[in-house]
């Protein structure tokens, strides 16, 4: 087998015939780097779940809990204002995670009445279409779970994360721990 090479010079076009031995070896397989491979694995693992795309909590092997919620515009604005208030008090930009973590750590010592929960849920709708993701890391997962259990006991029925998170932040604001 031979390869034809087209040479274009200033005055003429010539053809050279080269053998296969003259050509450098070239790997014709597509090049996929390690970063793209990792991304593909993460994408496949995330989309392979039967409950992918539905709001709710998902536990991960490392102890981190990812909470996906669909909240209302009013609830979103409330959480954004709480992050702003907490940022101003600490003189550092605070994330939703830091705001909820701070509220959960302070809520363990607070008295929570059922009327507080009922009043909050009656005055602020939580169901909506705005997607919010919150990662609860192992450092404060126990605090979050304890608060969630207390709220469930007080209400007498299971309470969803999308109601627990704004309520805990509301309690922290009302009780002045921000």
Protein backbone atom coordinates (compact mmCIF):
# COMPACT_ATOMS: atom_id res chain seq x y z
CA UNK A 1 0.00 0.00 0.00
CA UNK A 2 1.29 3.41 -0.77
CA UNK A 3 0.27 6.89 0.22
CA UNK A 4 0.08 9.81 -2.14
CA UNK A 5 1.28 13.13 -0.80
CA UNK A 6 0.37 16.35 -2.49
CA UNK A 7 3.03 19.03 -2.36
CA UNK A 8 2.27 22.56 -3.25
CA UNK A 9 5.23 24.80 -3.82
CA UNK A 10 5.45 28.29 -5.24
CA UNK A 11 5.45 27.24 -8.88
CA UNK A 12 4.31 23.67 -9.19
CA UNK A 13 2.15 20.98 -7.78
CA UNK A 14 3.85 17.62 -7.54
CA UNK A 15 2.85 14.19 -6.29
CA UNK A 16 5.17 12.02 -4.23
CA UNK A 17 4.56 8.43 -3.60
CA UNK A 18 5.60 7.25 -0.17
CA UNK A 19 5.46 3.87 1.36
CA UNK A 20 3.66 3.09 4.58
CA UNK A 21 7.00 2.90 6.41
CA UNK A 22 7.68 6.62 5.77
CA UNK A 23 4.57 7.75 7.66
CA UNK A 24 4.70 8.20 11.45
CA UNK A 25 2.45 5.87 13.42
CA UNK A 26 -0.72 7.50 14.52
CA UNK A 27 -3.33 6.25 16.97
CA UNK A 28 -6.68 6.73 15.27
CA UNK A 29 -8.75 6.05 18.42
CA UNK A 30 -10.51 9.09 19.87
CA UNK A 31 -8.68 10.65 22.79
CA UNK A 32 -10.66 10.75 26.01
CA UNK A 33 -8.88 12.28 28.96
CA UNK A 34 -9.27 11.30 32.60
CA UNK A 35 -11.37 14.40 33.36
CA UNK A 36 -13.94 13.50 30.72
CA UNK A 37 -13.96 9.89 31.93
CA UNK A 38 -14.69 11.00 35.52
CA UNK A 39 -17.44 13.34 34.32
CA UNK A 40 -19.01 10.53 32.30
CA UNK A 41 -18.97 8.20 35.31
CA UNK A 42 -20.54 10.84 37.57
CA UNK A 43 -23.19 11.64 34.97
CA UNK A 44 -24.03 8.00 34.40
CA UNK A 45 -24.13 7.25 38.12
CA UNK A 46 -26.36 10.25 38.81
CA UNK A 47 -28.78 9.62 35.95
CA UNK A 48 -28.92 5.89 36.52
CA UNK A 49 -30.91 6.24 39.74
CA UNK A 50 -34.58 5.29 39.48
CA UNK A 51 -35.58 8.48 41.31
CA UNK A 52 -33.37 10.85 39.30
CA UNK A 53 -34.94 14.26 38.90
CA UNK A 54 -37.47 13.93 41.70
CA UNK A 55 -37.17 16.21 44.68
CA UNK A 56 -36.21 14.72 48.01
CA UNK A 57 -33.21 13.55 49.94
CA UNK A 58 -30.58 11.10 48.74
CA UNK A 59 -27.97 9.52 50.98
CA UNK A 60 -24.47 9.08 49.69
CA UNK A 61 -21.84 6.57 50.78
CA UNK A 62 -19.59 9.22 52.33
CA UNK A 63 -22.27 10.24 54.84
CA UNK A 64 -23.19 13.37 52.91
CA UNK A 65 -26.87 13.89 52.30
CA UNK A 66 -28.05 15.78 49.25
CA UNK A 67 -31.44 17.40 49.60
CA UNK A 68 -33.31 18.50 46.50
CA UNK A 69 -36.45 20.51 47.05
CA UNK A 70 -39.03 22.36 45.01
CA UNK A 71 -39.98 25.49 46.95
CA UNK A 72 -42.22 28.48 46.36
CA UNK A 73 -41.07 31.94 45.27
CA UNK A 74 -41.99 33.30 48.70
CA UNK A 75 -39.97 30.62 50.49
CA UNK A 76 -37.02 31.20 48.15
CA UNK A 77 -37.10 34.94 48.85
CA UNK A 78 -37.26 34.23 52.59
CA UNK A 79 -34.19 31.95 52.46
CA UNK A 80 -32.29 34.46 50.31
CA UNK A 81 -33.08 37.24 52.81
CA UNK A 82 -31.93 35.00 55.66
CA UNK A 83 -28.62 34.33 53.90
CA UNK A 84 -28.23 38.08 53.37
CA UNK A 85 -28.97 38.83 57.03
CA UNK A 86 -26.56 36.15 58.23
CA UNK A 87 -23.90 37.44 55.83
CA UNK A 88 -24.26 40.98 57.19
CA UNK A 89 -24.00 39.82 60.80
CA UNK A 90 -20.88 37.71 60.18
CA UNK A 91 -19.33 40.19 57.70
CA UNK A 92 -18.74 37.27 55.30
CA UNK A 93 -20.77 35.99 52.39
CA UNK A 94 -22.77 33.00 53.61
CA UNK A 95 -24.24 30.18 51.57
CA UNK A 96 -27.56 28.46 52.13
CA UNK A 97 -25.62 25.54 53.59
CA UNK A 98 -23.84 27.76 56.13
CA UNK A 99 -27.08 29.53 57.03
CA UNK A 100 -29.03 26.31 57.62
CA UNK A 101 -26.08 24.73 59.43
CA UNK A 102 -25.90 27.68 61.83
CA UNK A 103 -29.66 27.59 62.39
CA UNK A 104 -29.63 23.82 63.06
CA UNK A 105 -26.80 24.06 65.55
CA UNK A 106 -28.70 26.74 67.48
CA UNK A 107 -32.10 25.03 67.20
CA UNK A 108 -31.04 22.12 69.41
CA UNK A 109 -31.30 24.35 72.47
CA UNK A 110 -34.53 26.11 71.44
CA UNK A 111 -38.02 25.28 72.59
CA UNK A 112 -40.22 24.56 69.61
CA UNK A 113 -43.99 24.70 69.98
CA UNK A 114 -46.48 23.17 67.59
CA UNK A 115 -48.22 26.51 67.18
CA UNK A 116 -44.92 28.02 65.91
CA UNK A 117 -44.75 25.37 63.20
CA UNK A 118 -48.44 25.66 62.28
CA UNK A 119 -48.26 29.44 62.19
CA UNK A 120 -45.15 29.38 59.99
CA UNK A 121 -46.61 26.87 57.52
CA UNK A 122 -49.93 28.74 57.36
CA UNK A 123 -48.25 32.05 56.65
CA UNK A 124 -45.64 30.88 54.18
CA UNK A 125 -46.39 28.34 51.43
CA UNK A 126 -43.42 26.07 50.79
CA UNK A 127 -44.56 24.09 47.73
CA UNK A 128 -43.44 25.55 44.45
CA UNK A 129 -41.36 25.09 41.33
CA UNK A 130 -37.99 26.62 42.27
CA UNK A 131 -35.31 23.94 42.55
CA UNK A 132 -32.99 24.25 45.53
CA UNK A 133 -30.16 21.85 46.36
CA UNK A 134 -28.62 21.59 49.79
CA UNK A 135 -25.73 19.36 50.79
CA UNK A 136 -25.77 18.28 54.42
CA UNK A 137 -22.26 17.14 55.26
CA UNK A 138 -21.40 14.62 58.00
CA UNK A 139 -20.16 17.42 60.30
CA UNK A 140 -23.68 18.72 60.88
CA UNK A 141 -25.86 15.84 59.69
CA UNK A 142 -26.56 14.83 63.30
CA UNK A 143 -27.75 18.35 64.18
CA UNK A 144 -30.02 18.43 61.14
CA UNK A 145 -31.46 14.98 61.81
CA UNK A 146 -32.09 15.84 65.48
CA UNK A 147 -33.98 19.01 64.53
CA UNK A 148 -35.93 17.14 61.88
CA UNK A 149 -36.91 14.43 64.40
CA UNK A 150 -38.02 17.06 66.94
CA UNK A 151 -40.17 18.82 64.36
CA UNK A 152 -41.69 15.48 63.32
CA UNK A 153 -42.50 14.66 66.96
CA UNK A 154 -44.02 18.09 67.54
CA UNK A 155 -46.16 17.99 64.39
CA UNK A 156 -47.21 14.38 64.88
CA UNK A 157 -46.63 13.54 61.22
CA UNK A 158 -43.63 13.24 58.88
CA UNK A 159 -42.35 16.64 57.79
CA UNK A 160 -40.59 17.16 54.46
CA UNK A 161 -37.17 18.81 54.16
CA UNK A 162 -38.67 21.70 52.21
CA UNK A 163 -40.68 22.62 55.31
CA UNK A 164 -38.01 21.81 57.93
CA UNK A 165 -35.26 23.95 56.42
CA UNK A 166 -37.17 27.25 56.14
CA UNK A 167 -38.80 26.67 59.54
CA UNK A 168 -35.44 26.17 61.28
CA UNK A 169 -34.09 29.31 59.61
CA UNK A 170 -37.25 31.18 60.65
CA UNK A 171 -36.80 30.04 64.26
CA UNK A 172 -33.18 31.23 64.23
CA UNK A 173 -34.31 34.63 62.96
CA UNK A 174 -37.20 34.99 65.40
CA UNK A 175 -35.10 33.90 68.39
CA UNK A 176 -32.26 36.24 67.39
CA UNK A 177 -29.47 33.72 66.88
CA UNK A 178 -28.45 35.18 63.52
